């Protein structure tokens, strides 16, 4: 078994896409599927699931507080909050209605009570997303 670093995967993906375009072959979709299947599930969570949760949470909180306050609560920059709210970041996966409801409940709790440790609440939401049978990024 050969272990390949993520940087090498990106290199291989670019080379394959280049060869596909030269040969006028439509294998791009298959290449992406193979390369994405080589990613660890936790890598998909970091790249797609957590940004989607932060995006939805930022949008909910933006209804009742400023972006600066949201950035302090989520421990991210105000620029990141702006990108989440404007769908420039964290919008690659669609969240189910029950996940959106859980995020809205979390936002309500934050607005009413303030923040505690958000880690557990975000972990529970993340589990819901990954257990969803329609999750397009998690291997089954």
Protein backbone atom coordinates (compact mmCIF):
# COMPACT_ATOMS: atom_id res chain seq x y z
CA UNK A 1 0.00 0.00 0.00
CA UNK A 2 1.37 3.39 -0.98
CA UNK A 3 0.48 6.42 1.10
CA UNK A 4 0.08 9.63 -0.86
CA UNK A 5 0.04 13.07 0.71
CA UNK A 6 -2.85 15.50 -0.01
CA UNK A 7 -0.41 17.72 -1.92
CA UNK A 8 0.45 14.85 -4.22
CA UNK A 9 -3.26 14.14 -4.77
CA UNK A 10 -3.79 17.71 -5.90
CA UNK A 11 -0.81 17.38 -8.24
CA UNK A 12 -2.12 14.09 -9.65
CA UNK A 13 -5.61 15.52 -10.04
CA UNK A 14 -4.28 18.50 -11.99
CA UNK A 15 -2.17 16.26 -14.23
CA UNK A 16 -5.11 13.94 -14.93
CA UNK A 17 -7.37 16.89 -15.72
CA UNK A 18 -4.72 18.27 -18.06
CA UNK A 19 -4.41 14.94 -19.86
CA UNK A 20 -8.19 14.64 -20.05
CA UNK A 21 -8.50 18.07 -21.62
CA UNK A 22 -5.72 17.33 -24.10
CA UNK A 23 -7.33 14.05 -25.12
CA UNK A 24 -10.78 15.66 -25.05
CA UNK A 25 -11.97 12.97 -22.66
CA UNK A 26 -14.77 13.58 -20.21
CA UNK A 27 -13.38 11.74 -17.22
CA UNK A 28 -13.30 14.72 -14.90
CA UNK A 29 -16.24 13.54 -12.81
CA UNK A 30 -14.74 10.08 -12.35
CA UNK A 31 -11.37 11.53 -11.34
CA UNK A 32 -13.01 13.72 -8.70
CA UNK A 33 -14.92 10.73 -7.29
CA UNK A 34 -11.75 8.65 -7.02
CA UNK A 35 -9.72 11.44 -5.46
CA UNK A 36 -12.49 12.44 -3.03
CA UNK A 37 -12.90 8.81 -2.00
CA UNK A 38 -9.24 8.81 -1.01
CA UNK A 39 -9.79 11.59 1.53
CA UNK A 40 -10.26 10.67 5.15
CA UNK A 41 -13.79 11.37 6.42
CA UNK A 42 -12.42 13.84 8.96
CA UNK A 43 -10.80 15.79 6.12
CA UNK A 44 -14.21 16.12 4.46
CA UNK A 45 -15.67 17.30 7.76
CA UNK A 46 -13.04 20.03 8.09
CA UNK A 47 -13.37 21.20 4.50
CA UNK A 48 -17.14 20.97 4.03
CA UNK A 49 -19.23 20.13 7.09
CA UNK A 50 -17.80 22.55 9.66
CA UNK A 51 -17.86 25.52 7.25
CA UNK A 52 -21.49 24.69 6.39
CA UNK A 53 -22.39 24.65 10.09
CA UNK A 54 -20.54 27.91 10.74
CA UNK A 55 -22.19 29.50 7.72
CA UNK A 56 -25.70 28.61 8.79
CA UNK A 57 -24.97 29.56 12.41
CA UNK A 58 -23.52 32.91 11.34
CA UNK A 59 -26.62 33.61 9.21
CA UNK A 60 -28.92 32.82 12.13
CA UNK A 61 -26.91 34.92 14.58
CA UNK A 62 -26.70 37.81 12.09
CA UNK A 63 -30.44 38.29 12.59
CA UNK A 64 -29.85 39.44 16.17
CA UNK A 65 -26.23 40.60 16.50
CA UNK A 66 -23.36 42.20 14.65
CA UNK A 67 -20.72 40.38 12.63
CA UNK A 68 -18.09 41.47 15.14
CA UNK A 69 -20.03 39.84 17.99
CA UNK A 70 -20.49 36.69 15.92
CA UNK A 71 -16.78 36.56 15.14
CA UNK A 72 -15.96 36.72 18.85
CA UNK A 73 -18.47 33.99 19.70
CA UNK A 74 -17.33 31.63 16.94
CA UNK A 75 -13.68 32.59 17.42
CA UNK A 76 -13.20 33.44 13.76
CA UNK A 77 -12.45 36.69 11.97
CA UNK A 78 -15.12 39.22 11.08
CA UNK A 79 -14.13 38.74 7.43
CA UNK A 80 -14.91 35.02 7.72
CA UNK A 81 -18.33 35.85 9.19
CA UNK A 82 -18.97 38.19 6.27
CA UNK A 83 -18.08 35.43 3.81
CA UNK A 84 -20.31 32.92 5.60
CA UNK A 85 -23.27 35.31 5.65
CA UNK A 86 -22.85 36.15 1.94
CA UNK A 87 -22.50 32.46 0.90
CA UNK A 88 -18.92 32.90 -0.29
CA UNK A 89 -17.77 30.27 2.18
CA UNK A 90 -19.45 27.21 3.65
CA UNK A 91 -22.11 26.73 1.00
CA UNK A 92 -20.84 23.61 -0.77
CA UNK A 93 -23.25 21.20 0.90
CA UNK A 94 -26.98 21.50 1.44
CA UNK A 95 -28.18 21.03 4.97
CA UNK A 96 -31.37 19.13 5.73
CA UNK A 97 -34.28 20.83 7.45
CA UNK A 98 -33.66 19.03 10.76
CA UNK A 99 -30.00 20.14 10.74
CA UNK A 100 -31.03 23.73 9.98
CA UNK A 101 -33.51 23.53 12.86
CA UNK A 102 -30.78 22.28 15.21
CA UNK A 103 -28.53 25.16 14.14
CA UNK A 104 -31.38 27.65 14.61
CA UNK A 105 -31.95 26.26 18.13
CA UNK A 106 -28.25 26.64 18.89
CA UNK A 107 -28.34 30.23 17.62
CA UNK A 108 -31.35 30.96 19.83
CA UNK A 109 -29.55 29.52 22.84
CA UNK A 110 -26.48 31.64 22.10
CA UNK A 111 -28.59 34.77 21.70
CA UNK A 112 -30.57 34.14 24.92
CA UNK A 113 -28.04 32.61 27.28
CA UNK A 114 -24.70 33.44 25.72
CA UNK A 115 -21.99 31.03 24.82
CA UNK A 116 -20.55 28.22 26.75
CA UNK A 117 -18.53 25.55 25.06
CA UNK A 118 -19.86 25.33 21.51
CA UNK A 119 -17.80 22.24 20.74
CA UNK A 120 -20.33 19.69 21.99
CA UNK A 121 -23.28 21.36 20.26
CA UNK A 122 -21.40 21.65 16.97
CA UNK A 123 -20.25 18.01 17.26
CA UNK A 124 -23.86 16.88 17.66
CA UNK A 125 -24.91 18.85 14.58
CA UNK A 126 -21.94 17.44 12.65
CA UNK A 127 -23.00 13.90 13.59
CA UNK A 128 -26.51 14.61 12.30
CA UNK A 129 -25.11 15.75 8.97
CA UNK A 130 -22.81 12.76 8.60
CA UNK A 131 -25.59 10.32 9.55
CA UNK A 132 -27.94 11.85 7.00
CA UNK A 133 -28.54 9.33 4.23
CA UNK A 134 -28.35 12.15 1.67
CA UNK A 135 -24.96 13.46 2.74
CA UNK A 136 -23.05 13.82 -0.54
CA UNK A 137 -19.57 14.13 0.95
CA UNK A 138 -19.34 11.32 3.48
CA UNK A 139 -18.51 7.78 2.43
CA UNK A 140 -21.11 5.22 3.44
